[in-house]
Amino acid sequence: HKDLVFFVRIQYRCNSSWQGTIQWLDGKKEQNFRSALELGNMISSAREIRSADKRSVTPKWEDKESAS
């Protein structure tokens, strides 16, 4: 079982929540988030995608060529 690795960039704090960008480094995907709840949902979605292997899962992540 391989760990999931993320780089989280908090850009703003508004209405007692965070906004920023999360990069899923091994998945080479990146997405903006508008709240801490949405950030948590994206991490959960990445876990589902990783464990799904051959199941059909609707990802909430944008495909990126590199996570740089």
PDB file of N, CA and C in Angstrom:
ATOM      1  N   HIS A   1       0.852  -1.185   0.000  1.00  0.00           N
ATOM      2  CA  HIS A   1       0.000   0.000   0.000  1.00  0.00           C
ATOM      3  C   HIS A   1       0.887   1.233   0.000  1.00  0.00           C
ATOM      4  N   LYS A   2       0.763   2.059  -0.991  1.00  0.00           N
ATOM      5  CA  LYS A   2       1.573   3.264  -1.130  1.00  0.00           C
ATOM      6  C   LYS A   2       0.850   4.463  -0.527  1.00  0.00           C
ATOM      7  N   ASP A   3       1.608   5.304   0.168  1.00  0.00           N
ATOM      8  CA  ASP A   3       1.024   6.509   0.763  1.00  0.00           C
ATOM      9  C   ASP A   3       0.656   7.531  -0.307  1.00  0.00           C
ATOM     10  N   LEU A   4      -0.353   8.345  -0.017  1.00  0.00           N
ATOM     11  CA  LEU A   4      -0.720   9.467  -0.874  1.00  0.00           C
ATOM     12  C   LEU A   4       0.092  10.678  -0.423  1.00  0.00           C
ATOM     13  N   VAL A   5       0.636  11.419  -1.382  1.00  0.00           N
ATOM     14  CA  VAL A   5       1.453  12.590  -1.056  1.00  0.00           C
ATOM     15  C   VAL A   5       0.825  13.817  -1.719  1.00  0.00           C
ATOM     16  N   PHE A   6       0.583  14.861  -0.893  1.00  0.00           N
ATOM     17  CA  PHE A   6      -0.034  16.092  -1.376  1.00  0.00           C
ATOM     18  C   PHE A   6       0.828  17.286  -1.007  1.00  0.00           C
ATOM     19  N   PHE A   7       0.760  18.318  -1.822  1.00  0.00           N
ATOM     20  CA  PHE A   7       1.325  19.623  -1.495  1.00  0.00           C
ATOM     21  C   PHE A   7       0.137  20.580  -1.430  1.00  0.00           C
ATOM     22  N   VAL A   8      -0.093  21.163  -0.257  1.00  0.00           N
ATOM     23  CA  VAL A   8      -1.238  22.049  -0.061  1.00  0.00           C
ATOM     24  C   VAL A   8      -0.724  23.475   0.093  1.00  0.00           C
ATOM     25  N   ARG A   9      -1.236  24.366  -0.727  1.00  0.00           N
ATOM     26  CA  ARG A   9      -0.867  25.786  -0.677  1.00  0.00           C
ATOM     27  C   ARG A   9      -2.099  26.574  -0.240  1.00  0.00           C
ATOM     28  N   ILE A  10      -2.053  27.100   0.979  1.00  0.00           N
ATOM     29  CA  ILE A  10      -3.149  27.937   1.479  1.00  0.00           C
ATOM     30  C   ILE A  10      -2.885  29.355   0.985  1.00  0.00           C
ATOM     31  N   GLN A  11      -3.821  29.904   0.223  1.00  0.00           N
ATOM     32  CA  GLN A  11      -3.633  31.239  -0.334  1.00  0.00           C
ATOM     33  C   GLN A  11      -4.412  32.299   0.433  1.00  0.00           C
ATOM     34  N   TYR A  12      -5.572  31.936   0.943  1.00  0.00           N
ATOM     35  CA  TYR A  12      -6.422  32.893   1.648  1.00  0.00           C
ATOM     36  C   TYR A  12      -7.134  32.193   2.788  1.00  0.00           C
ATOM     37  N   ARG A  13      -7.527  32.977   3.763  1.00  0.00           N
ATOM     38  CA  ARG A  13      -8.411  32.513   4.824  1.00  0.00           C
ATOM     39  C   ARG A  13      -9.590  33.484   4.843  1.00  0.00           C
ATOM     40  N   CYS A  14     -10.775  32.958   4.618  1.00  0.00           N
ATOM     41  CA  CYS A  14     -11.968  33.796   4.542  1.00  0.00           C
ATOM     42  C   CYS A  14     -13.134  33.042   5.174  1.00  0.00           C
ATOM     43  N   ASN A  15     -13.969  33.740   5.934  1.00  0.00           N
ATOM     44  CA  ASN A  15     -15.123  33.115   6.590  1.00  0.00           C
ATOM     45  C   ASN A  15     -14.705  31.895   7.416  1.00  0.00           C
ATOM     46  N   SER A  16     -13.606  32.033   8.133  1.00  0.00           N
ATOM     47  CA  SER A  16     -13.077  30.972   9.004  1.00  0.00           C
ATOM     48  C   SER A  16     -12.760  29.682   8.261  1.00  0.00           C
ATOM     49  N   SER A  17     -12.408  29.769   6.992  1.00  0.00           N
ATOM     50  CA  SER A  17     -12.017  28.587   6.230  1.00  0.00           C
ATOM     51  C   SER A  17     -10.857  28.942   5.305  1.00  0.00           C
ATOM     52  N   TRP A  18     -10.278  27.924   4.684  1.00  0.00           N
ATOM     53  CA  TRP A  18      -9.120  28.112   3.811  1.00  0.00           C
ATOM     54  C   TRP A  18      -9.516  28.030   2.349  1.00  0.00           C
ATOM     55  N   GLN A  19      -8.791  28.780   1.516  1.00  0.00           N
ATOM     56  CA  GLN A  19      -8.858  28.638   0.072  1.00  0.00           C
ATOM     57  C   GLN A  19      -7.433  28.480  -0.428  1.00  0.00           C
ATOM     58  N   GLY A  20      -7.261  27.663  -1.447  1.00  0.00           N
ATOM     59  CA  GLY A  20      -5.917  27.472  -1.985  1.00  0.00           C
ATOM     60  C   GLY A  20      -5.894  26.406  -3.055  1.00  0.00           C
ATOM     61  N   THR A  21      -4.744  25.750  -3.161  1.00  0.00           N
ATOM     62  CA  THR A  21      -4.508  24.747  -4.193  1.00  0.00           C
ATOM     63  C   THR A  21      -3.936  23.500  -3.537  1.00  0.00           C
ATOM     64  N   ILE A  22      -4.370  22.344  -4.019  1.00  0.00           N
ATOM     65  CA  ILE A  22      -3.799  21.075  -3.575  1.00  0.00           C
ATOM     66  C   ILE A  22      -3.247  20.355  -4.794  1.00  0.00           C
ATOM     67  N   GLN A  23      -2.030  19.849  -4.654  1.00  0.00           N
ATOM     68  CA  GLN A  23      -1.431  19.029  -5.706  1.00  0.00           C
ATOM     69  C   GLN A  23      -1.291  17.611  -5.164  1.00  0.00           C
ATOM     70  N   TRP A  24      -1.777  16.668  -5.921  1.00  0.00           N
ATOM     71  CA  TRP A  24      -1.592  15.250  -5.602  1.00  0.00           C
ATOM     72  C   TRP A  24      -0.353  14.846  -6.371  1.00  0.00           C
ATOM     73  N   LEU A  25       0.771  14.714  -5.681  1.00  0.00           N
ATOM     74  CA  LEU A  25       2.060  14.581  -6.337  1.00  0.00           C
ATOM     75  C   LEU A  25       2.193  13.290  -7.130  1.00  0.00           C
ATOM     76  N   ASP A  26       1.855  12.118  -6.546  1.00  0.00           N
ATOM     77  CA  ASP A  26       2.014  10.884  -7.322  1.00  0.00           C
ATOM     78  C   ASP A  26       0.951  10.744  -8.398  1.00  0.00           C
ATOM     79  N   GLY A  27      -0.198  11.349  -8.198  1.00  0.00           N
ATOM     80  CA  GLY A  27      -1.264  11.294  -9.195  1.00  0.00           C
ATOM     81  C   GLY A  27      -1.109  12.333 -10.283  1.00  0.00           C
ATOM     82  N   LYS A  28      -0.138  13.246 -10.102  1.00  0.00           N
ATOM     83  CA  LYS A  28       0.124  14.325 -11.060  1.00  0.00           C
ATOM     84  C   LYS A  28      -1.154  15.083 -11.389  1.00  0.00           C
ATOM     85  N   LYS A  29      -1.892  15.441 -10.325  1.00  0.00           N
ATOM     86  CA  LYS A  29      -3.143  16.180 -10.492  1.00  0.00           C
ATOM     87  C   LYS A  29      -3.135  17.379  -9.558  1.00  0.00           C
ATOM     88  N   GLU A  30      -3.891  18.399  -9.934  1.00  0.00           N
ATOM     89  CA  GLU A  30      -3.954  19.630  -9.151  1.00  0.00           C
ATOM     90  C   GLU A  30      -5.373  20.181  -9.199  1.00  0.00           C
ATOM     91  N   GLN A  31      -5.799  20.780  -8.088  1.00  0.00           N
ATOM     92  CA  GLN A  31      -7.146  21.346  -8.040  1.00  0.00           C
ATOM     93  C   GLN A  31      -7.180  22.476  -7.014  1.00  0.00           C
ATOM     94  N   ASN A  32      -7.974  23.495  -7.296  1.00  0.00           N
ATOM     95  CA  ASN A  32      -8.223  24.559  -6.324  1.00  0.00           C
ATOM     96  C   ASN A  32      -9.308  24.101  -5.370  1.00  0.00           C
ATOM     97  N   PHE A  33      -9.277  24.602  -4.127  1.00  0.00           N
ATOM     98  CA  PHE A  33     -10.340  24.328  -3.174  1.00  0.00           C
ATOM     99  C   PHE A  33     -10.785  25.641  -2.542  1.00  0.00           C
ATOM    100  N   ARG A  34     -12.049  25.686  -2.107  1.00  0.00           N
ATOM    101  CA  ARG A  34     -12.639  26.906  -1.559  1.00  0.00           C
ATOM    102  C   ARG A  34     -12.943  26.816  -0.081  1.00  0.00           C
ATOM    103  N   SER A  35     -12.712  25.655   0.519  1.00  0.00           N
ATOM    104  CA  SER A  35     -12.961  25.501   1.952  1.00  0.00           C
ATOM    105  C   SER A  35     -12.177  24.302   2.469  1.00  0.00           C
ATOM    106  N   ALA A  36     -12.012  24.258   3.792  1.00  0.00           N
ATOM    107  CA  ALA A  36     -11.334  23.118   4.399  1.00  0.00           C
ATOM    108  C   ALA A  36     -12.137  21.838   4.161  1.00  0.00           C
ATOM    109  N   LEU A  37     -13.461  21.942   4.137  1.00  0.00           N
ATOM    110  CA  LEU A  37     -14.305  20.788   3.859  1.00  0.00           C
ATOM    111  C   LEU A  37     -14.058  20.261   2.448  1.00  0.00           C
ATOM    112  N   GLU A  38     -13.994  21.161   1.469  1.00  0.00           N
ATOM    113  CA  GLU A  38     -13.729  20.753   0.095  1.00  0.00           C
ATOM    114  C   GLU A  38     -12.345  20.119  -0.017  1.00  0.00           C
ATOM    115  N   LEU A  39     -11.360  20.658   0.700  1.00  0.00           N
ATOM    116  CA  LEU A  39     -10.014  20.077   0.735  1.00  0.00           C
ATOM    117  C   LEU A  39     -10.083  18.646   1.254  1.00  0.00           C
ATOM    118  N   GLY A  40     -10.797  18.436   2.343  1.00  0.00           N
ATOM    119  CA  GLY A  40     -10.952  17.087   2.888  1.00  0.00           C
ATOM    120  C   GLY A  40     -11.637  16.141   1.914  1.00  0.00           C
ATOM    121  N   ASN A  41     -12.639  16.643   1.209  1.00  0.00           N
ATOM    122  CA  ASN A  41     -13.332  15.817   0.217  1.00  0.00           C
ATOM    123  C   ASN A  41     -12.413  15.426  -0.932  1.00  0.00           C
ATOM    124  N   MET A  42     -11.511  16.319  -1.336  1.00  0.00           N
ATOM    125  CA  MET A  42     -10.572  16.010  -2.418  1.00  0.00           C
ATOM    126  C   MET A  42      -9.576  14.933  -1.986  1.00  0.00           C
ATOM    127  N   ILE A  43      -9.116  15.021  -0.751  1.00  0.00           N
ATOM    128  CA  ILE A  43      -8.200  13.998  -0.247  1.00  0.00           C
ATOM    129  C   ILE A  43      -8.919  12.651  -0.180  1.00  0.00           C
ATOM    130  N   SER A  44     -10.157  12.658   0.267  1.00  0.00           N
ATOM    131  CA  SER A  44     -10.964  11.438   0.313  1.00  0.00           C
ATOM    132  C   SER A  44     -11.170  10.871  -1.090  1.00  0.00           C
ATOM    133  N   SER A  45     -11.438  11.750  -2.051  1.00  0.00           N
ATOM    134  CA  SER A  45     -11.629  11.334  -3.438  1.00  0.00           C
ATOM    135  C   SER A  45     -10.350  10.700  -3.990  1.00  0.00           C
ATOM    136  N   ALA A  46      -9.193  11.268  -3.656  1.00  0.00           N
ATOM    137  CA  ALA A  46      -7.922  10.698  -4.107  1.00  0.00           C
ATOM    138  C   ALA A  46      -7.729   9.295  -3.538  1.00  0.00           C
ATOM    139  N   ARG A  47      -8.128   9.099  -2.289  1.00  0.00           N
ATOM    140  CA  ARG A  47      -8.038   7.765  -1.681  1.00  0.00           C
ATOM    141  C   ARG A  47      -8.932   6.782  -2.427  1.00  0.00           C
ATOM    142  N   GLU A  48     -10.144   7.228  -2.795  1.00  0.00           N
ATOM    143  CA  GLU A  48     -11.065   6.361  -3.538  1.00  0.00           C
ATOM    144  C   GLU A  48     -10.503   6.021  -4.912  1.00  0.00           C
ATOM    145  N   ILE A  49      -9.938   7.019  -5.587  1.00  0.00           N
ATOM    146  CA  ILE A  49      -9.354   6.792  -6.911  1.00  0.00           C
ATOM    147  C   ILE A  49      -8.216   5.790  -6.804  1.00  0.00           C
ATOM    148  N   ARG A  50      -7.356   5.962  -5.802  1.00  0.00           N
ATOM    149  CA  ARG A  50      -6.212   5.064  -5.613  1.00  0.00           C
ATOM    150  C   ARG A  50      -6.673   3.641  -5.351  1.00  0.00           C
ATOM    151  N   SER A  51      -7.709   3.471  -4.537  1.00  0.00           N
ATOM    152  CA  SER A  51      -8.154   2.128  -4.181  1.00  0.00           C
ATOM    153  C   SER A  51      -9.079   1.524  -5.237  1.00  0.00           C
ATOM    154  N   ALA A  52      -9.590   2.330  -6.150  1.00  0.00           N
ATOM    155  CA  ALA A  52     -10.549   1.845  -7.139  1.00  0.00           C
ATOM    156  C   ALA A  52      -9.907   0.986  -8.218  1.00  0.00           C
ATOM    157  N   ASP A  53      -8.642   1.238  -8.528  1.00  0.00           N
ATOM    158  CA  ASP A  53      -7.915   0.544  -9.581  1.00  0.00           C
ATOM    159  C   ASP A  53      -8.737   0.391 -10.858  1.00  0.00           C
ATOM    160  N   LYS A  54      -9.620  -0.598 -10.915  1.00  0.00           N
ATOM    161  CA  LYS A  54     -10.343  -0.869 -12.154  1.00  0.00           C
ATOM    162  C   LYS A  54     -11.806  -0.473 -12.090  1.00  0.00           C
ATOM    163  N   ARG A  55     -12.269  -0.018 -10.901  1.00  0.00           N
ATOM    164  CA  ARG A  55     -13.651   0.434 -10.801  1.00  0.00           C
ATOM    165  C   ARG A  55     -13.806   1.763 -11.512  1.00  0.00           C
ATOM    166  N   SER A  56     -14.980   2.060 -11.959  1.00  0.00           N
ATOM    167  CA  SER A  56     -15.251   3.348 -12.593  1.00  0.00           C
ATOM    168  C   SER A  56     -15.588   4.365 -11.507  1.00  0.00           C
ATOM    169  N   VAL A  57     -14.690   5.338 -11.303  1.00  0.00           N
ATOM    170  CA  VAL A  57     -14.888   6.385 -10.309  1.00  0.00           C
ATOM    171  C   VAL A  57     -14.842   7.720 -11.019  1.00  0.00           C
ATOM    172  N   THR A  58     -15.758   8.589 -10.705  1.00  0.00           N
ATOM    173  CA  THR A  58     -15.745   9.923 -11.284  1.00  0.00           C
ATOM    174  C   THR A  58     -14.790  10.787 -10.470  1.00  0.00           C
ATOM    175  N   PRO A  59     -13.594  11.073 -11.006  1.00  0.00           N
ATOM    176  CA  PRO A  59     -12.630  11.851 -10.238  1.00  0.00           C
ATOM    177  C   PRO A  59     -13.031  13.313 -10.138  1.00  0.00           C
ATOM    178  N   LYS A  60     -12.645  13.942  -9.023  1.00  0.00           N
ATOM    179  CA  LYS A  60     -12.885  15.358  -8.826  1.00  0.00           C
ATOM    180  C   LYS A  60     -11.597  16.140  -9.071  1.00  0.00           C
ATOM    181  N   TRP A  61     -10.652  15.505  -9.718  1.00  0.00           N
ATOM    182  CA  TRP A  61      -9.340  16.101  -9.926  1.00  0.00           C
ATOM    183  C   TRP A  61      -9.143  16.385 -11.408  1.00  0.00           C
ATOM    184  N   GLU A  62      -8.444  17.478 -11.700  1.00  0.00           N
ATOM    185  CA  GLU A  62      -8.073  17.782 -13.077  1.00  0.00           C
ATOM    186  C   GLU A  62      -6.792  17.041 -13.400  1.00  0.00           C
ATOM    187  N   ASP A  63      -6.702  16.491 -14.625  1.00  0.00           N
ATOM    188  CA  ASP A  63      -5.468  15.841 -15.044  1.00  0.00           C
ATOM    189  C   ASP A  63      -4.417  16.889 -15.370  1.00  0.00           C
ATOM    190  N   LYS A  64      -3.203  16.650 -14.919  1.00  0.00           N
ATOM    191  CA  LYS A  64      -2.066  17.528 -15.207  1.00  0.00           C
ATOM    192  C   LYS A  64      -0.933  16.654 -15.718  1.00  0.00           C
ATOM    193  N   GLU A  65      -0.126  17.206 -16.631  1.00  0.00           N
ATOM    194  CA  GLU A  65       1.013  16.449 -17.117  1.00  0.00           C
ATOM    195  C   GLU A  65       2.090  16.299 -16.068  1.00  0.00           C
ATOM    196  N   SER A  66       2.247  17.331 -15.224  1.00  0.00           N
ATOM    197  CA  SER A  66       3.224  17.243 -14.140  1.00  0.00           C
ATOM    198  C   SER A  66       2.697  18.024 -12.961  1.00  0.00           C
ATOM    199  N   ALA A  67       3.187  17.673 -11.800  1.00  0.00           N
ATOM    200  CA  ALA A  67       2.752  18.347 -10.581  1.00  0.00           C
ATOM    201  C   ALA A  67       3.825  19.343 -10.140  1.00  0.00           C
ATOM    202  N   SER A  68       4.357  20.067 -11.079  1.00  0.00           N
ATOM    203  CA  SER A  68       5.415  21.023 -10.720  1.00  0.00           C
ATOM    204  C   SER A  68       4.848  22.392 -10.449  1.00  0.00           C
TER     205      SER A  68
END
